[in-house]
Amino acid sequence: MKKDHAQEIELRLLIVLRELEAQSSASSSYSPGELSFTDEMRQLSEYVKVAGEYEIAYESIVATLSAHLFVLTGPAAVALLEAGLLLGYKTSRKEDALFDRR
């Protein structure tokens, strides 16, 4: 990630995170063997706001959206797409290699 992109990535991740946090109804899709909705939202917030671990936060958000019953508004979906474009990849998973520009 380019250093000058960090602030832009953080801004976009926070837009998505606010929408996820507001959807506590999605907690019903969490299984007992994983982090709870509350704990996951806390962890995502720490990745972005405290640690500045934008790459980990982005990958975690993508995985969370893939596994749970969240709905993003158009602006939040665009913000997530823009964060991914700035980072240059989707996730580090083998099945997402097509989207990796690192």
N, C-alpha and C. Protein backbone atom coordinates (compact mmCIF):
# COMPACT_ATOMS: atom_id res chain seq x y z
N MET A 1 0.83 -1.17 0.00
CA MET A 1 0.00 0.00 0.00
C MET A 1 0.88 1.24 0.00
N LYS A 2 0.54 2.18 -0.83
CA LYS A 2 1.27 3.43 -0.85
C LYS A 2 0.92 4.24 0.39
N LYS A 3 1.91 4.89 0.94
CA LYS A 3 1.72 5.63 2.18
C LYS A 3 0.64 6.70 2.07
N ASP A 4 0.59 7.38 0.93
CA ASP A 4 -0.39 8.45 0.76
C ASP A 4 -1.82 7.91 0.62
N HIS A 5 -1.98 6.61 0.43
CA HIS A 5 -3.30 6.02 0.33
C HIS A 5 -3.88 5.63 1.68
N ALA A 6 -3.06 5.57 2.70
CA ALA A 6 -3.50 5.06 4.00
C ALA A 6 -4.71 5.82 4.55
N GLN A 7 -4.67 7.13 4.49
CA GLN A 7 -5.78 7.92 5.02
C GLN A 7 -7.07 7.67 4.23
N GLU A 8 -6.94 7.56 2.92
CA GLU A 8 -8.11 7.30 2.08
C GLU A 8 -8.68 5.91 2.35
N ILE A 9 -7.81 4.94 2.55
CA ILE A 9 -8.26 3.57 2.84
C ILE A 9 -8.97 3.55 4.19
N GLU A 10 -8.38 4.20 5.18
CA GLU A 10 -8.99 4.23 6.51
C GLU A 10 -10.39 4.86 6.45
N LEU A 11 -10.53 5.96 5.78
CA LEU A 11 -11.82 6.63 5.64
C LEU A 11 -12.87 5.67 5.06
N ARG A 12 -12.51 4.96 4.03
CA ARG A 12 -13.45 4.04 3.37
C ARG A 12 -13.78 2.83 4.25
N LEU A 13 -12.79 2.31 4.93
CA LEU A 13 -13.05 1.18 5.83
C LEU A 13 -13.97 1.59 6.98
N LEU A 14 -13.82 2.81 7.46
CA LEU A 14 -14.68 3.29 8.55
C LEU A 14 -16.12 3.44 8.09
N ILE A 15 -16.33 3.83 6.85
CA ILE A 15 -17.70 3.92 6.30
C ILE A 15 -18.35 2.54 6.35
N VAL A 16 -17.63 1.54 5.89
CA VAL A 16 -18.16 0.17 5.87
C VAL A 16 -18.35 -0.34 7.30
N LEU A 17 -17.38 -0.10 8.14
CA LEU A 17 -17.45 -0.58 9.52
C LEU A 17 -18.67 -0.01 10.24
N ARG A 18 -18.96 1.27 10.05
CA ARG A 18 -20.14 1.88 10.69
C ARG A 18 -21.42 1.17 10.26
N GLU A 19 -21.50 0.81 8.99
CA GLU A 19 -22.69 0.10 8.52
C GLU A 19 -22.77 -1.30 9.12
N LEU A 20 -21.66 -1.99 9.21
CA LEU A 20 -21.66 -3.33 9.80
C LEU A 20 -22.07 -3.26 11.27
N GLU A 21 -21.50 -2.33 12.00
CA GLU A 21 -21.80 -2.19 13.43
C GLU A 21 -23.28 -1.91 13.68
N ALA A 22 -23.92 -1.23 12.77
CA ALA A 22 -25.33 -0.87 12.91
C ALA A 22 -26.27 -2.04 12.62
N GLN A 23 -25.74 -3.15 12.16
CA GLN A 23 -26.57 -4.29 11.77
C GLN A 23 -26.44 -5.45 12.76
N SER A 24 -26.74 -5.18 14.00
CA SER A 24 -26.63 -6.22 15.03
C SER A 24 -27.55 -7.40 14.74
N SER A 25 -28.56 -7.20 13.90
CA SER A 25 -29.44 -8.32 13.54
C SER A 25 -28.66 -9.43 12.81
N ALA A 26 -27.54 -9.09 12.22
CA ALA A 26 -26.71 -10.09 11.54
C ALA A 26 -26.06 -11.05 12.52
N SER A 27 -26.10 -10.72 13.79
CA SER A 27 -25.48 -11.59 14.80
C SER A 27 -26.11 -12.98 14.82
N SER A 28 -27.34 -13.09 14.34
CA SER A 28 -27.99 -14.41 14.30
C SER A 28 -27.31 -15.37 13.34
N SER A 29 -26.50 -14.85 12.41
CA SER A 29 -25.82 -15.73 11.45
C SER A 29 -24.44 -16.18 11.93
N TYR A 30 -24.05 -15.76 13.14
CA TYR A 30 -22.76 -16.16 13.71
C TYR A 30 -22.92 -17.49 14.44
N SER A 31 -21.99 -18.39 14.20
CA SER A 31 -22.05 -19.69 14.87
C SER A 31 -21.28 -19.64 16.18
N PRO A 32 -21.56 -20.57 17.08
CA PRO A 32 -20.89 -20.59 18.38
C PRO A 32 -19.37 -20.76 18.30
N GLY A 33 -18.85 -21.34 17.23
CA GLY A 33 -17.43 -21.60 17.11
C GLY A 33 -16.60 -20.44 16.60
N GLU A 34 -17.21 -19.28 16.40
CA GLU A 34 -16.47 -18.13 15.89
C GLU A 34 -16.65 -16.94 16.82
N LEU A 35 -15.90 -15.87 16.54
CA LEU A 35 -16.08 -14.66 17.32
C LEU A 35 -17.54 -14.22 17.26
N SER A 36 -18.02 -13.66 18.34
CA SER A 36 -19.38 -13.13 18.33
C SER A 36 -19.42 -11.86 17.48
N PHE A 37 -20.60 -11.45 17.12
CA PHE A 37 -20.78 -10.21 16.35
C PHE A 37 -20.09 -9.05 17.07
N THR A 38 -20.35 -8.91 18.36
CA THR A 38 -19.78 -7.81 19.14
C THR A 38 -18.26 -7.86 19.15
N ASP A 39 -17.71 -9.04 19.39
CA ASP A 39 -16.25 -9.19 19.42
C ASP A 39 -15.63 -8.93 18.05
N GLU A 40 -16.30 -9.39 16.99
CA GLU A 40 -15.76 -9.16 15.66
C GLU A 40 -15.76 -7.67 15.31
N MET A 41 -16.84 -6.98 15.64
CA MET A 41 -16.91 -5.54 15.36
C MET A 41 -15.84 -4.79 16.16
N ARG A 42 -15.62 -5.21 17.38
CA ARG A 42 -14.57 -4.60 18.22
C ARG A 42 -13.20 -4.84 17.60
N GLN A 43 -12.96 -6.06 17.14
CA GLN A 43 -11.68 -6.40 16.53
C GLN A 43 -11.46 -5.60 15.24
N LEU A 44 -12.47 -5.52 14.40
CA LEU A 44 -12.35 -4.75 13.17
C LEU A 44 -12.06 -3.28 13.47
N SER A 45 -12.74 -2.75 14.45
CA SER A 45 -12.52 -1.36 14.84
C SER A 45 -11.08 -1.14 15.32
N GLU A 46 -10.57 -2.07 16.09
CA GLU A 46 -9.18 -1.97 16.56
C GLU A 46 -8.19 -2.05 15.41
N TYR A 47 -8.45 -2.94 14.46
CA TYR A 47 -7.56 -3.04 13.29
C TYR A 47 -7.46 -1.70 12.57
N VAL A 48 -8.60 -1.02 12.41
CA VAL A 48 -8.62 0.23 11.65
C VAL A 48 -8.18 1.41 12.51
N LYS A 49 -8.84 1.62 13.64
CA LYS A 49 -8.66 2.85 14.42
C LYS A 49 -7.42 2.86 15.30
N VAL A 50 -7.04 1.70 15.84
CA VAL A 50 -5.93 1.65 16.80
C VAL A 50 -4.63 1.22 16.13
N ALA A 51 -4.68 0.08 15.44
CA ALA A 51 -3.46 -0.52 14.91
C ALA A 51 -3.09 -0.03 13.51
N GLY A 52 -4.04 0.54 12.79
CA GLY A 52 -3.75 0.94 11.42
C GLY A 52 -3.46 -0.24 10.51
N GLU A 53 -4.01 -1.38 10.86
CA GLU A 53 -3.83 -2.61 10.07
C GLU A 53 -4.93 -2.70 9.03
N TYR A 54 -4.84 -1.84 8.03
CA TYR A 54 -5.90 -1.72 7.03
C TYR A 54 -6.04 -2.96 6.17
N GLU A 55 -4.92 -3.60 5.87
CA GLU A 55 -4.97 -4.80 5.05
C GLU A 55 -5.73 -5.91 5.76
N ILE A 56 -5.42 -6.12 7.04
CA ILE A 56 -6.10 -7.16 7.83
C ILE A 56 -7.57 -6.80 7.98
N ALA A 57 -7.86 -5.54 8.25
CA ALA A 57 -9.25 -5.10 8.40
C ALA A 57 -10.03 -5.34 7.11
N TYR A 58 -9.43 -4.98 5.99
CA TYR A 58 -10.10 -5.16 4.69
C TYR A 58 -10.40 -6.63 4.43
N GLU A 59 -9.40 -7.49 4.59
CA GLU A 59 -9.61 -8.92 4.36
C GLU A 59 -10.65 -9.48 5.31
N SER A 60 -10.63 -9.04 6.55
CA SER A 60 -11.61 -9.51 7.53
C SER A 60 -13.01 -9.05 7.17
N ILE A 61 -13.15 -7.83 6.70
CA ILE A 61 -14.46 -7.33 6.28
C ILE A 61 -14.99 -8.13 5.09
N VAL A 62 -14.13 -8.40 4.12
CA VAL A 62 -14.54 -9.19 2.95
C VAL A 62 -14.99 -10.58 3.40
N ALA A 63 -14.24 -11.20 4.29
CA ALA A 63 -14.60 -12.54 4.78
C ALA A 63 -15.91 -12.49 5.57
N THR A 64 -16.08 -11.46 6.37
CA THR A 64 -17.31 -11.31 7.16
C THR A 64 -18.52 -11.13 6.26
N LEU A 65 -18.38 -10.30 5.25
CA LEU A 65 -19.50 -10.09 4.32
C LEU A 65 -19.83 -11.36 3.56
N SER A 66 -18.82 -12.17 3.28
CA SER A 66 -19.04 -13.42 2.55
C SER A 66 -19.74 -14.47 3.40
N ALA A 67 -19.57 -14.39 4.71
CA ALA A 67 -20.06 -15.44 5.60
C ALA A 67 -21.34 -15.09 6.36
N HIS A 68 -21.70 -13.82 6.39
CA HIS A 68 -22.82 -13.42 7.25
C HIS A 68 -23.85 -12.57 6.53
N LEU A 69 -24.96 -12.33 7.19
CA LEU A 69 -26.12 -11.69 6.58
C LEU A 69 -26.11 -10.17 6.70
N PHE A 70 -25.10 -9.55 6.16
CA PHE A 70 -25.02 -8.09 6.15
C PHE A 70 -25.50 -7.55 4.81
N VAL A 71 -25.96 -6.31 4.84
CA VAL A 71 -26.36 -5.61 3.62
C VAL A 71 -25.67 -4.25 3.65
N LEU A 72 -25.01 -3.91 2.56
CA LEU A 72 -24.35 -2.61 2.47
C LEU A 72 -25.15 -1.69 1.56
N THR A 73 -25.18 -0.42 1.91
CA THR A 73 -25.77 0.57 1.02
C THR A 73 -24.83 0.74 -0.18
N GLY A 74 -25.34 1.38 -1.20
CA GLY A 74 -24.51 1.65 -2.38
C GLY A 74 -23.23 2.39 -2.04
N PRO A 75 -23.32 3.51 -1.27
CA PRO A 75 -22.10 4.24 -0.95
C PRO A 75 -21.08 3.40 -0.16
N ALA A 76 -21.55 2.55 0.74
CA ALA A 76 -20.62 1.70 1.50
C ALA A 76 -20.00 0.63 0.61
N ALA A 77 -20.79 0.08 -0.30
CA ALA A 77 -20.26 -0.92 -1.23
C ALA A 77 -19.18 -0.30 -2.12
N VAL A 78 -19.43 0.92 -2.58
CA VAL A 78 -18.44 1.62 -3.40
C VAL A 78 -17.20 1.91 -2.57
N ALA A 79 -17.37 2.31 -1.31
CA ALA A 79 -16.23 2.59 -0.44
C ALA A 79 -15.37 1.34 -0.26
N LEU A 80 -16.01 0.18 -0.09
CA LEU A 80 -15.26 -1.07 0.05
C LEU A 80 -14.52 -1.40 -1.25
N LEU A 81 -15.18 -1.22 -2.36
CA LEU A 81 -14.54 -1.45 -3.66
C LEU A 81 -13.34 -0.52 -3.83
N GLU A 82 -13.50 0.74 -3.48
CA GLU A 82 -12.39 1.70 -3.60
C GLU A 82 -11.23 1.33 -2.69
N ALA A 83 -11.53 0.88 -1.48
CA ALA A 83 -10.46 0.45 -0.57
C ALA A 83 -9.70 -0.72 -1.20
N GLY A 84 -10.43 -1.67 -1.77
CA GLY A 84 -9.79 -2.81 -2.43
C GLY A 84 -8.93 -2.38 -3.60
N LEU A 85 -9.41 -1.42 -4.36
CA LEU A 85 -8.63 -0.92 -5.50
C LEU A 85 -7.36 -0.24 -5.01
N LEU A 86 -7.46 0.54 -3.96
CA LEU A 86 -6.27 1.22 -3.42
C LEU A 86 -5.27 0.22 -2.85
N LEU A 87 -5.77 -0.84 -2.21
CA LEU A 87 -4.88 -1.86 -1.66
C LEU A 87 -4.29 -2.74 -2.75
N GLY A 88 -5.04 -2.98 -3.81
CA GLY A 88 -4.54 -3.77 -4.92
C GLY A 88 -4.85 -5.24 -4.87
N TYR A 89 -5.79 -5.65 -4.01
CA TYR A 89 -6.16 -7.06 -3.94
C TYR A 89 -7.49 -7.21 -3.23
N LYS A 90 -8.03 -8.43 -3.29
CA LYS A 90 -9.27 -8.74 -2.59
C LYS A 90 -8.94 -9.40 -1.26
N THR A 91 -8.36 -10.59 -1.31
CA THR A 91 -7.84 -11.27 -0.11
C THR A 91 -6.60 -12.05 -0.52
N SER A 92 -5.94 -12.66 0.43
CA SER A 92 -4.77 -13.47 0.14
C SER A 92 -5.13 -14.93 -0.15
N ARG A 93 -6.42 -15.24 -0.19
CA ARG A 93 -6.85 -16.61 -0.46
C ARG A 93 -6.55 -16.98 -1.91
N LYS A 94 -6.24 -18.25 -2.12
CA LYS A 94 -5.90 -18.75 -3.45
C LYS A 94 -7.00 -18.43 -4.47
N GLU A 95 -8.25 -18.58 -4.06
CA GLU A 95 -9.36 -18.35 -4.99
C GLU A 95 -9.53 -16.88 -5.39
N ASP A 96 -8.86 -15.97 -4.69
CA ASP A 96 -8.93 -14.54 -5.02
C ASP A 96 -7.68 -14.04 -5.73
N ALA A 97 -6.80 -14.93 -6.16
CA ALA A 97 -5.54 -14.54 -6.79
C ALA A 97 -5.75 -13.69 -8.05
N LEU A 98 -6.83 -13.90 -8.73
CA LEU A 98 -7.14 -13.14 -9.93
C LEU A 98 -7.19 -11.63 -9.66
N PHE A 99 -7.55 -11.27 -8.44
CA PHE A 99 -7.72 -9.85 -8.09
C PHE A 99 -6.48 -9.22 -7.45
N ASP A 100 -5.40 -9.96 -7.37
CA ASP A 100 -4.19 -9.50 -6.68
C ASP A 100 -3.25 -8.76 -7.62
N ARG A 101 -2.96 -7.49 -7.32
CA ARG A 101 -2.02 -6.68 -8.10
C ARG A 101 -0.74 -6.36 -7.32
N ARG A 102 -0.55 -7.02 -6.17
CA ARG A 102 0.63 -6.70 -5.36
C ARG A 102 1.88 -7.17 -6.02
